[in-house]
Amino acid sequence: MLVALRDGRKIIGVLRSYDQFANLVLNDAVERIHAQDEYADIPRGLYLIRGENVVLMGEVDLDLEDVVPLKAAPVEQVLSKAAVHDEDRANADSVRDAVLRQRGFCTERVDGDVDVHTYGHEPSTNAFAKHQQVQHAEQLKRDAEMEAEKEAALHMEKQRVFMMQQQQQQQQHQQHQQASELKAIEEQQMLMAQQQIAFAQQQQQQQQQQQPQQPHQPRPMMTPEQHQRLLQQQQQQFYQQQQQLQQQQQQQQHNQFRY
């Protein structure tokens, strides 16, 4: 085959098998092929390949028509080989050509018994359309990434709001519980004070009933200073009793929370 490389060299070479040639086409390594003959089961002609995936058999200078053959396989022997037509190979080629046509390559038939295989890329308009498709796919990918970032940010914001609401609810519940506990303590203190007053009144009545009746003697008159001092002592005793009661209740609540 005559292979035209991208650096300008024209090389006479042959691929190891038709499968290797088809893989080059399917892998988008061959840009343009025009074969008018076949050597064995490998199309032979003008190739433009990205890379040197061929077994070199000779090199042609751009300005000269003569061929410099290599010792391993002279060009004359390669070009003199007759084409091999095999029914099984033809069936396999038809299936492979269908796949190649889907990839943008085609096989044409001309007058006579000679097949002209033209494996080439689609026109530049199709290449431009393919470029647009690539750009569109990249844009879709960027849009998807941006959408994913937005969703992640929205999810984080929802979690933050949910946590703040939970904290507020916990604070409100704690405040309500503390207020209820304080109210219960005040009610208990008032009840105990009422019970103490009632108990003191009951004791006083019992003492009065147990004492023998004596003639009424007037109580000595107290000076205003003595009366004020007596009131202060009574208030101080009442406050001390209240403080002791509160301390006992707080100690009981502390023990309850602790255990």
Protein backbone atom coordinates (compact mmCIF):
# COMPACT_ATOMS: atom_id res chain seq x y z
CA MET A 1 0.00 0.00 0.00
CA LEU A 2 1.06 3.61 -0.48
CA VAL A 3 0.80 5.45 2.79
CA ALA A 4 0.98 9.24 3.02
CA LEU A 5 2.01 10.34 6.50
CA ARG A 6 1.27 13.71 8.02
CA ASP A 7 4.88 14.83 7.88
CA GLY A 8 4.82 14.61 4.07
CA ARG A 9 6.54 11.26 3.55
CA LYS A 10 5.04 8.67 1.23
CA ILE A 11 5.69 5.16 2.47
CA ILE A 12 5.13 1.79 0.85
CA GLY A 13 3.92 -0.57 3.53
CA VAL A 14 1.44 -3.25 4.44
CA LEU A 15 -0.64 -3.86 7.51
CA ARG A 16 -0.44 -7.18 9.29
CA SER A 17 -4.12 -8.02 8.75
CA TYR A 18 -7.39 -6.59 7.58
CA ASP A 19 -8.55 -6.50 11.20
CA GLN A 20 -5.68 -4.18 12.03
CA PHE A 21 -6.66 -1.96 9.12
CA ALA A 22 -10.30 -1.94 10.23
CA ASN A 23 -9.25 -1.10 13.79
CA LEU A 24 -7.33 1.90 12.47
CA VAL A 25 -10.46 3.05 10.67
CA LEU A 26 -12.74 2.44 13.63
CA ASN A 27 -10.30 4.19 15.98
CA ASP A 28 -10.37 7.23 13.69
CA ALA A 29 -6.68 6.83 12.79
CA VAL A 30 -7.24 6.86 9.00
CA GLU A 31 -8.31 10.17 7.52
CA ARG A 32 -8.48 9.41 3.80
CA ILE A 33 -8.10 6.15 1.86
CA HIS A 34 -8.40 5.47 -1.85
CA ALA A 35 -7.68 1.86 -2.82
CA GLN A 36 -7.96 0.55 -6.38
CA ASP A 37 -6.42 -2.84 -5.75
CA GLU A 38 -6.09 -5.44 -3.04
CA TYR A 39 -3.10 -7.36 -1.78
CA ALA A 40 -4.38 -10.56 -0.19
CA ASP A 41 -7.27 -9.44 2.04
CA ILE A 42 -5.85 -5.96 2.71
CA PRO A 43 -6.93 -2.98 0.57
CA ARG A 44 -3.98 -1.27 -1.07
CA GLY A 45 -3.89 2.37 -2.15
CA LEU A 46 -3.27 5.88 -0.88
CA TYR A 47 -3.61 6.20 2.89
CA LEU A 48 -3.37 9.09 5.27
CA ILE A 49 -2.80 7.70 8.75
CA ARG A 50 -2.25 9.45 12.06
CA GLY A 51 0.86 7.61 13.15
CA GLU A 52 3.08 4.90 11.69
CA ASN A 53 1.03 1.81 12.50
CA VAL A 54 2.28 0.00 9.36
CA VAL A 55 5.03 -2.46 8.51
CA LEU A 56 7.27 -0.35 6.28
CA MET A 57 8.29 -1.91 2.96
CA GLY A 58 9.86 1.03 1.17
CA GLU A 59 9.95 4.81 1.01
CA VAL A 60 9.14 7.10 -1.91
CA ASP A 61 10.69 10.54 -2.25
CA LEU A 62 8.26 13.36 -2.90
CA ASP A 63 10.13 14.51 -6.02
CA LEU A 64 11.04 11.10 -7.49
CA GLU A 65 8.98 8.27 -8.93
CA ASP A 66 11.41 5.47 -8.17
CA VAL A 67 10.94 3.31 -5.12
CA VAL A 68 13.69 2.38 -2.68
CA PRO A 69 12.69 -1.12 -1.51
CA LEU A 70 13.68 -2.62 1.79
CA LYS A 71 15.39 -6.00 2.03
CA ALA A 72 12.60 -7.58 4.05
CA ALA A 73 9.92 -7.16 1.39
CA PRO A 74 10.70 -5.64 -2.01
CA VAL A 75 7.97 -3.40 -3.36
CA GLU A 76 7.87 -5.26 -6.67
CA GLN A 77 6.85 -8.47 -4.96
CA VAL A 78 4.11 -6.71 -3.05
CA LEU A 79 2.66 -4.99 -6.12
CA SER A 80 2.73 -8.20 -8.17
CA LYS A 81 0.57 -10.13 -5.77
CA ALA A 82 -2.83 -11.03 -7.16
CA ALA A 83 -6.00 -10.13 -5.36
CA VAL A 84 -7.68 -12.81 -3.29
CA HIS A 85 -11.46 -13.02 -3.47
CA ASP A 86 -13.03 -15.16 -0.80
CA GLU A 87 -16.76 -15.52 -0.18
CA ASP A 88 -16.39 -15.65 3.58
CA ARG A 89 -14.13 -12.62 3.50
CA ALA A 90 -16.63 -10.80 1.31
CA ASN A 91 -19.40 -11.50 3.83
CA ALA A 92 -17.21 -10.30 6.66
CA ASP A 93 -16.27 -7.23 4.64
CA SER A 94 -19.92 -6.36 4.05
CA VAL A 95 -20.62 -6.43 7.77
CA ARG A 96 -17.49 -4.43 8.51
CA ASP A 97 -18.28 -1.92 5.76
CA ALA A 98 -21.72 -1.37 7.28
CA VAL A 99 -20.07 -0.50 10.58
CA LEU A 100 -17.56 1.73 8.82
CA ARG A 101 -20.33 3.59 7.00
CA GLN A 102 -21.96 4.29 10.35
CA ARG A 103 -18.64 5.77 11.48
CA GLY A 104 -18.51 8.15 8.49
CA PHE A 105 -16.70 6.00 5.90
CA CYS A 106 -18.14 4.53 2.70
CA THR A 107 -17.47 1.86 0.04
CA GLU A 108 -18.30 2.55 -3.62
CA ARG A 109 -18.43 0.30 -6.70
CA VAL A 110 -17.36 1.49 -10.16
CA ASP A 111 -17.77 0.03 -13.64
CA GLY A 112 -16.24 -3.38 -14.15
CA ASP A 113 -15.18 -5.94 -11.62
CA VAL A 114 -12.99 -3.57 -9.64
CA ASP A 115 -14.18 -2.23 -6.32
CA VAL A 116 -13.04 1.24 -5.33
CA HIS A 117 -12.93 1.59 -1.56
CA THR A 118 -13.09 5.21 -0.56
CA TYR A 119 -12.79 5.46 3.19
CA GLY A 120 -12.93 9.12 4.05
CA HIS A 121 -14.26 11.46 6.66
CA GLU A 122 -17.45 13.34 6.04
CA PRO A 123 -17.28 16.87 4.58
CA SER A 124 -16.19 19.82 6.61
CA THR A 125 -19.81 20.79 7.24
CA ASN A 126 -20.30 17.52 9.09
CA ALA A 127 -17.05 18.11 10.93
CA PHE A 128 -18.37 21.53 11.96
CA ALA A 129 -21.61 19.90 13.10
CA LYS A 130 -19.60 17.37 15.10
CA HIS A 131 -17.63 20.24 16.66
CA GLN A 132 -20.90 21.92 17.57
CA GLN A 133 -22.12 18.67 19.12
CA VAL A 134 -18.94 18.46 21.18
CA GLN A 135 -19.37 22.05 22.33
CA HIS A 136 -23.02 21.37 23.13
CA ALA A 137 -22.06 18.30 25.16
CA GLU A 138 -19.44 20.31 27.06
CA GLN A 139 -22.00 23.04 27.72
CA LEU A 140 -24.47 20.43 28.99
CA LYS A 141 -21.76 19.05 31.26
CA ARG A 142 -20.98 22.52 32.63
CA ASP A 143 -24.68 23.20 33.14
CA ALA A 144 -25.07 19.90 34.96
CA GLU A 145 -22.10 20.71 37.21
CA MET A 146 -23.51 24.17 37.98
CA GLU A 147 -26.93 22.67 38.69
CA ALA A 148 -25.33 20.10 41.01
CA GLU A 149 -23.47 22.89 42.84
CA LYS A 150 -26.70 24.86 43.21
CA GLU A 151 -28.53 21.82 44.55
CA ALA A 152 -25.71 21.13 47.00
CA ALA A 153 -25.75 24.76 48.20
CA LEU A 154 -29.55 24.68 48.56
CA HIS A 155 -29.34 21.42 50.51
CA MET A 156 -26.75 22.90 52.86
CA GLU A 157 -28.90 26.01 53.36
CA LYS A 158 -31.92 23.86 54.17
CA GLN A 159 -29.88 21.90 56.69
CA ARG A 160 -28.64 25.13 58.28
CA VAL A 161 -32.20 26.51 58.58
CA PHE A 162 -33.43 23.20 59.99
CA MET A 163 -30.68 23.16 62.63
CA MET A 164 -31.44 26.77 63.60
CA GLN A 165 -35.13 25.94 63.97
CA GLN A 166 -34.28 22.94 66.12
CA GLN A 167 -32.05 25.08 68.34
CA GLN A 168 -34.80 27.70 68.71
CA GLN A 169 -37.35 25.04 69.59
CA GLN A 170 -35.00 23.54 72.17
CA GLN A 171 -34.37 26.96 73.71
CA GLN A 172 -38.10 27.71 73.85
CA HIS A 173 -38.77 24.32 75.41
CA GLN A 174 -36.06 24.88 78.02
CA GLN A 175 -37.38 28.36 78.83
CA HIS A 176 -40.93 27.05 79.16
CA GLN A 177 -39.73 24.20 81.37
CA GLN A 178 -37.75 26.57 83.60
CA ALA A 179 -40.74 28.91 83.90
CA SER A 180 -42.98 25.98 84.83
CA GLU A 181 -40.49 24.80 87.44
CA LEU A 182 -40.20 28.29 88.96
CA LYS A 183 -43.97 28.62 89.10
CA ALA A 184 -44.27 25.24 90.78
CA ILE A 185 -41.64 26.24 93.34
CA GLU A 186 -43.45 29.50 94.12
CA GLU A 187 -46.77 27.69 94.50
CA GLN A 188 -45.15 25.14 96.80
CA GLN A 189 -43.59 27.89 98.89
CA MET A 190 -46.91 29.69 99.23
CA LEU A 191 -48.62 26.46 100.22
CA MET A 192 -45.99 25.69 102.84
CA ALA A 193 -46.23 29.22 104.23
CA GLN A 194 -50.00 28.89 104.50
CA GLN A 195 -49.60 25.54 106.21
CA GLN A 196 -47.12 27.01 108.69
CA ILE A 197 -49.45 29.90 109.48
CA ALA A 198 -52.39 27.54 109.94
CA PHE A 199 -50.28 25.26 112.15
CA ALA A 200 -49.14 28.21 114.27
CA GLN A 201 -52.72 29.42 114.66
CA GLN A 202 -53.83 25.93 115.65
CA GLN A 203 -51.09 25.66 118.29
CA GLN A 204 -51.99 29.05 119.65
CA GLN A 205 -55.64 28.07 119.97
CA GLN A 206 -54.72 24.84 121.74
CA GLN A 207 -52.51 26.70 124.18
CA GLN A 208 -55.27 29.15 124.91
CA GLN A 209 -57.72 26.34 125.56
CA GLN A 210 -55.29 24.49 127.87
CA GLN A 211 -54.40 27.54 129.96
CA PRO A 212 -56.68 28.09 133.04
CA GLN A 213 -58.78 31.07 132.92
CA GLN A 214 -57.12 33.87 134.76
CA PRO A 215 -58.36 37.30 135.37
CA HIS A 216 -57.59 39.57 132.55
CA GLN A 217 -54.50 41.54 133.17
CA PRO A 218 -53.62 44.33 130.90
CA ARG A 219 -50.46 43.79 128.91
CA PRO A 220 -47.67 46.19 129.49
CA MET A 221 -47.52 48.88 126.90
CA MET A 222 -44.56 48.65 124.44
CA THR A 223 -42.74 51.61 123.26
CA PRO A 224 -42.66 52.26 119.47
CA GLU A 225 -39.00 51.20 119.37
CA GLN A 226 -39.80 47.86 121.01
CA HIS A 227 -42.75 47.30 118.68
CA GLN A 228 -40.57 48.03 115.61
CA ARG A 229 -37.84 45.71 116.90
CA LEU A 230 -40.37 42.91 117.39
CA LEU A 231 -41.68 43.29 113.82
CA GLN A 232 -38.15 43.19 112.41
CA GLN A 233 -37.36 40.01 114.34
CA GLN A 234 -40.53 38.35 113.08
CA GLN A 235 -39.77 39.37 109.46
CA GLN A 236 -36.19 38.16 109.76
CA GLN A 237 -37.32 34.82 111.12
CA PHE A 238 -39.84 34.48 108.25
CA TYR A 239 -37.17 35.32 105.59
CA GLN A 240 -34.74 32.84 107.14
CA GLN A 241 -37.37 30.13 107.03
CA GLN A 242 -38.12 30.96 103.37
CA GLN A 243 -34.42 30.83 102.42
CA GLN A 244 -33.94 27.50 104.16
CA LEU A 245 -36.98 26.15 102.35
CA GLN A 246 -35.69 27.36 98.95
CA GLN A 247 -32.26 25.84 99.59
CA GLN A 248 -33.82 22.50 100.48
CA GLN A 249 -35.96 22.56 97.32
CA GLN A 250 -32.99 23.50 95.10
CA GLN A 251 -30.93 20.71 96.64
CA GLN A 252 -33.74 18.25 95.92
CA GLN A 253 -34.01 19.42 92.27
CA HIS A 254 -30.25 19.21 91.86
CA ASN A 255 -30.29 15.65 93.16
CA GLN A 256 -33.13 14.77 90.78
CA PHE A 257 -31.26 16.17 87.72
CA ARG A 258 -28.07 14.46 88.82
CA TYR A 259 -29.57 11.01 89.17
